[in-house]
């Protein structure tokens, strides 16, 4: 096989900043979950963080997985959609630095972004502006490289977009016919609560499922046992 993992998901530039609990309160953000925001809100939050040390990285749930594979010596490729802007170039360079092959499609608009606010307990509170990333569709996939991959990795955040949800089902069907393993990450408790039936349907057609304790609680409907 040409690749160990083929990742598909939202191409988001990560802005990682250390903050205290008071910052989350002042920004009216619930700790530990993802909040979807628009471009205006993104600008406002970045202005609020002015003067703080901010690390900029290529991100997105599925992209982060491929970066991990690349850093561990595996062969990975990632497909996503970026805008025709400065951040798109940063994104491509970041993937290449992590030894991940970029299969990115550009479109007029802004590259998606995610501000990750990290408190002292290492809990992440994220605000995500999807930009053009949510318009990813079947025509953007490199199906030739996909069929040469051992595992296709999908992210739960894609369920938030109707076009991406349909793309997930197309990929699942393609992989079933070609005998390719599918890995699915539920991504966030908020997503599981909001789209329970879709998450369960996708999980039932996947070979590998990733979820944390909170996601498992909402996915199964069962309380956590300590």
Protein backbone atom coordinates (compact mmCIF):
# COMPACT_ATOMS: atom_id res chain seq x y z
CA UNK A 1 0.00 0.00 0.00
CA UNK A 2 1.11 3.57 -0.76
CA UNK A 3 -0.26 5.09 2.46
CA UNK A 4 -0.94 3.90 5.98
CA UNK A 5 -3.67 6.46 6.64
CA UNK A 6 -5.74 8.69 4.36
CA UNK A 7 -7.33 11.45 6.45
CA UNK A 8 -10.42 13.37 5.34
CA UNK A 9 -11.82 16.32 7.26
CA UNK A 10 -11.92 20.02 7.99
CA UNK A 11 -8.67 21.83 7.18
CA UNK A 12 -8.34 24.28 10.07
CA UNK A 13 -5.44 26.47 11.10
CA UNK A 14 -4.99 26.03 14.86
CA UNK A 15 -4.25 29.02 17.06
CA UNK A 16 -3.25 27.56 20.44
CA UNK A 17 -3.13 29.94 23.41
CA UNK A 18 -2.70 29.31 27.17
CA UNK A 19 -5.43 31.04 29.19
CA UNK A 20 -6.88 31.10 32.69
CA UNK A 21 -10.42 30.15 33.72
CA UNK A 22 -11.43 33.82 33.91
CA UNK A 23 -10.74 34.23 30.19
CA UNK A 24 -13.29 31.55 29.34
CA UNK A 25 -15.87 33.27 31.55
CA UNK A 26 -15.23 36.66 29.97
CA UNK A 27 -15.54 35.16 26.48
CA UNK A 28 -18.72 33.31 27.55
CA UNK A 29 -17.31 29.92 26.52
CA UNK A 30 -18.23 26.60 28.13
CA UNK A 31 -15.04 24.84 29.15
CA UNK A 32 -13.91 21.72 27.30
CA UNK A 33 -16.19 21.80 24.26
CA UNK A 34 -16.19 23.18 20.73
CA UNK A 35 -18.10 26.36 19.87
CA UNK A 36 -18.84 27.18 16.23
CA UNK A 37 -18.28 30.85 15.44
CA UNK A 38 -18.31 33.17 12.44
CA UNK A 39 -15.51 35.30 11.01
CA UNK A 40 -16.48 38.36 13.05
CA UNK A 41 -16.35 36.40 16.32
CA UNK A 42 -12.97 34.95 15.34
CA UNK A 43 -11.56 38.46 14.90
CA UNK A 44 -13.02 39.60 18.23
CA UNK A 45 -11.48 36.67 20.15
CA UNK A 46 -8.09 37.14 18.51
CA UNK A 47 -8.16 40.81 19.51
CA UNK A 48 -8.97 39.77 23.08
CA UNK A 49 -5.93 37.45 23.05
CA UNK A 50 -3.59 40.14 21.76
CA UNK A 51 -0.28 39.99 23.62
CA UNK A 52 -0.59 36.30 24.55
CA UNK A 53 1.78 33.68 23.19
CA UNK A 54 -0.06 31.95 20.34
CA UNK A 55 1.22 28.86 18.53
CA UNK A 56 0.02 28.42 14.92
CA UNK A 57 -0.25 24.87 13.54
CA UNK A 58 -2.10 22.95 10.81
CA UNK A 59 -5.12 21.44 12.53
CA UNK A 60 -8.50 19.83 12.30
CA UNK A 61 -9.40 16.51 13.92
CA UNK A 62 -8.52 14.21 11.01
CA UNK A 63 -5.51 16.30 10.02
CA UNK A 64 -4.12 16.02 13.54
CA UNK A 65 -4.36 12.25 13.26
CA UNK A 66 -2.41 12.20 10.01
CA UNK A 67 0.22 14.50 11.53
CA UNK A 68 0.61 12.02 14.37
CA UNK A 69 1.02 9.18 11.88
CA UNK A 70 3.63 11.15 9.95
CA UNK A 71 5.62 12.06 13.05
CA UNK A 72 5.65 8.41 14.11
CA UNK A 73 7.16 7.39 10.79
CA UNK A 74 3.99 6.30 8.99
CA UNK A 75 2.90 7.36 5.52
CA UNK A 76 -0.09 9.68 5.61
CA UNK A 77 -2.10 11.89 3.29
CA UNK A 78 -4.77 14.44 4.15
CA UNK A 79 -7.60 15.87 2.05
CA UNK A 80 -9.32 19.11 3.00
CA UNK A 81 -10.43 22.43 1.52
CA UNK A 82 -8.67 25.74 2.15
CA UNK A 83 -9.25 29.35 1.16
CA UNK A 84 -7.15 31.41 -1.21
CA UNK A 85 -5.37 33.26 1.57
CA UNK A 86 -2.16 33.48 3.58
CA UNK A 87 -3.22 30.80 6.06
CA UNK A 88 -3.62 28.25 3.27
CA UNK A 89 0.11 28.44 2.58
CA UNK A 90 0.85 28.05 6.29
CA UNK A 91 -1.35 24.97 6.34
CA UNK A 92 0.39 23.29 3.41
CA UNK A 93 3.83 23.97 4.85
CA UNK A 94 2.78 22.63 8.24
CA UNK A 95 1.58 19.34 6.76
CA UNK A 96 4.74 18.91 4.73
CA UNK A 97 6.86 19.60 7.81
CA UNK A 98 5.01 16.78 9.59
CA UNK A 99 5.68 14.52 6.57
CA UNK A 100 2.04 14.39 5.53
CA UNK A 101 1.16 14.64 1.84
CA UNK A 102 -1.25 17.58 1.34
CA UNK A 103 -4.16 16.89 -1.00
CA UNK A 104 -5.83 20.26 -0.56
CA UNK A 105 -8.35 22.00 -2.78
CA UNK A 106 -8.59 25.79 -2.65
CA UNK A 107 -11.70 27.92 -2.98
CA UNK A 108 -12.51 31.60 -2.76
CA UNK A 109 -13.09 32.45 0.88
CA UNK A 110 -11.21 32.10 4.16
CA UNK A 111 -9.31 29.06 5.38
CA UNK A 112 -11.06 27.55 8.38
CA UNK A 113 -9.54 28.13 11.78
CA UNK A 114 -9.76 26.96 15.36
CA UNK A 115 -8.72 28.91 18.44
CA UNK A 116 -7.74 26.37 21.07
CA UNK A 117 -7.75 27.88 24.56
CA UNK A 118 -5.76 25.70 26.96
CA UNK A 119 -6.22 26.08 30.73
CA UNK A 120 -3.69 24.95 33.36
CA UNK A 121 -5.36 21.53 33.67
CA UNK A 122 -4.63 21.01 29.94
CA UNK A 123 -8.33 21.10 29.07
CA UNK A 124 -8.99 22.56 25.62
CA UNK A 125 -11.87 24.89 24.86
CA UNK A 126 -12.19 25.48 21.14
CA UNK A 127 -13.86 28.06 18.94
CA UNK A 128 -14.12 26.98 15.33
CA UNK A 129 -14.77 29.07 12.23
CA UNK A 130 -15.15 26.52 9.42
CA UNK A 131 -14.62 28.93 6.52
CA UNK A 132 -14.52 27.06 3.20
CA UNK A 133 -13.54 23.77 4.86
CA UNK A 134 -17.17 22.72 5.30
CA UNK A 135 -17.74 22.68 1.52
CA UNK A 136 -15.52 19.62 1.02
CA UNK A 137 -17.16 17.21 -1.43
CA UNK A 138 -16.55 13.97 -3.33
CA UNK A 139 -14.80 15.69 -6.24
CA UNK A 140 -12.10 16.90 -3.87
CA UNK A 141 -10.99 13.38 -2.90
CA UNK A 142 -8.00 11.77 -4.58
CA UNK A 143 -9.70 8.41 -5.07
CA UNK A 144 -6.58 6.92 -6.69
CA UNK A 145 -4.54 7.55 -3.53
CA UNK A 146 -7.44 6.54 -1.31
CA UNK A 147 -7.62 3.07 -2.83
CA UNK A 148 -3.89 2.73 -2.15
CA UNK A 149 -4.37 3.37 1.58
CA UNK A 150 -4.65 0.85 4.42
CA UNK A 151 -7.01 2.96 6.52
CA UNK A 152 -9.28 5.92 5.76
CA UNK A 153 -9.79 8.16 8.79
CA UNK A 154 -12.91 10.33 9.12
CA UNK A 155 -13.84 12.92 11.75
CA UNK A 156 -17.15 13.43 13.49
CA UNK A 157 -17.09 17.18 12.96
CA UNK A 158 -17.94 16.55 9.31
CA UNK A 159 -21.45 15.53 10.34
CA UNK A 160 -22.18 19.22 10.99
CA UNK A 161 -22.22 19.87 7.21
CA UNK A 162 -24.81 18.21 4.98
CA UNK A 163 -22.41 18.03 2.01
CA UNK A 164 -19.71 16.49 4.17
CA UNK A 165 -22.17 14.03 5.71
CA UNK A 166 -23.02 12.79 2.22
CA UNK A 167 -19.29 12.59 1.47
CA UNK A 168 -18.83 10.36 4.53
CA UNK A 169 -21.46 7.94 3.24
CA UNK A 170 -19.84 7.90 -0.21
CA UNK A 171 -16.45 7.13 1.32
CA UNK A 172 -17.92 4.40 3.53
CA UNK A 173 -19.54 2.72 0.53
CA UNK A 174 -16.36 3.02 -1.56
CA UNK A 175 -14.22 1.54 1.22
CA UNK A 176 -16.68 -1.32 1.77
CA UNK A 177 -16.45 -2.27 -1.91
CA UNK A 178 -12.65 -1.98 -1.99
CA UNK A 179 -12.01 -3.70 1.33
CA UNK A 180 -10.39 -0.62 2.93
CA UNK A 181 -10.57 -0.20 6.71
CA UNK A 182 -12.41 2.87 8.00
CA UNK A 183 -11.50 4.70 11.19
CA UNK A 184 -14.03 7.13 12.70
CA UNK A 185 -13.43 9.65 15.50
CA UNK A 186 -16.57 10.98 17.23
CA UNK A 187 -14.58 14.20 17.79
CA UNK A 188 -16.60 16.00 20.47
CA UNK A 189 -19.36 15.36 23.07
CA UNK A 190 -21.30 18.29 21.60
CA UNK A 191 -21.38 16.60 18.20
CA UNK A 192 -22.57 13.29 19.66
CA UNK A 193 -25.36 15.04 21.57
CA UNK A 194 -26.44 17.02 18.52
CA UNK A 195 -26.28 14.24 15.91
CA UNK A 196 -26.76 10.93 17.78
CA UNK A 197 -28.42 8.96 14.97
CA UNK A 198 -25.88 10.02 12.34
CA UNK A 199 -22.96 9.20 14.64
CA UNK A 200 -24.34 5.74 15.37
CA UNK A 201 -25.03 5.04 11.70
CA UNK A 202 -21.48 5.98 10.67
CA UNK A 203 -19.95 4.08 13.58
CA UNK A 204 -21.90 0.94 12.61
CA UNK A 205 -20.25 1.04 9.18
CA UNK A 206 -16.73 1.73 10.50
CA UNK A 207 -14.01 -0.69 11.59
CA UNK A 208 -12.24 1.45 14.20
CA UNK A 209 -14.02 3.90 16.54
CA UNK A 210 -12.40 6.57 18.71
CA UNK A 211 -14.29 8.22 21.57
CA UNK A 212 -13.50 9.64 24.99
CA UNK A 213 -15.52 9.08 28.17
CA UNK A 214 -17.92 11.97 27.64
CA UNK A 215 -18.54 10.99 24.02
CA UNK A 216 -19.09 7.37 25.06
CA UNK A 217 -21.68 8.48 27.64
CA UNK A 218 -23.79 10.28 25.05
CA UNK A 219 -23.18 7.65 22.37
CA UNK A 220 -24.38 4.74 24.55
CA UNK A 221 -26.86 6.63 26.71
CA UNK A 222 -25.28 5.02 29.75
CA UNK A 223 -23.76 6.82 32.77
CA UNK A 224 -20.02 6.56 33.36
CA UNK A 225 -18.97 4.07 36.03
CA UNK A 226 -16.04 5.13 38.16
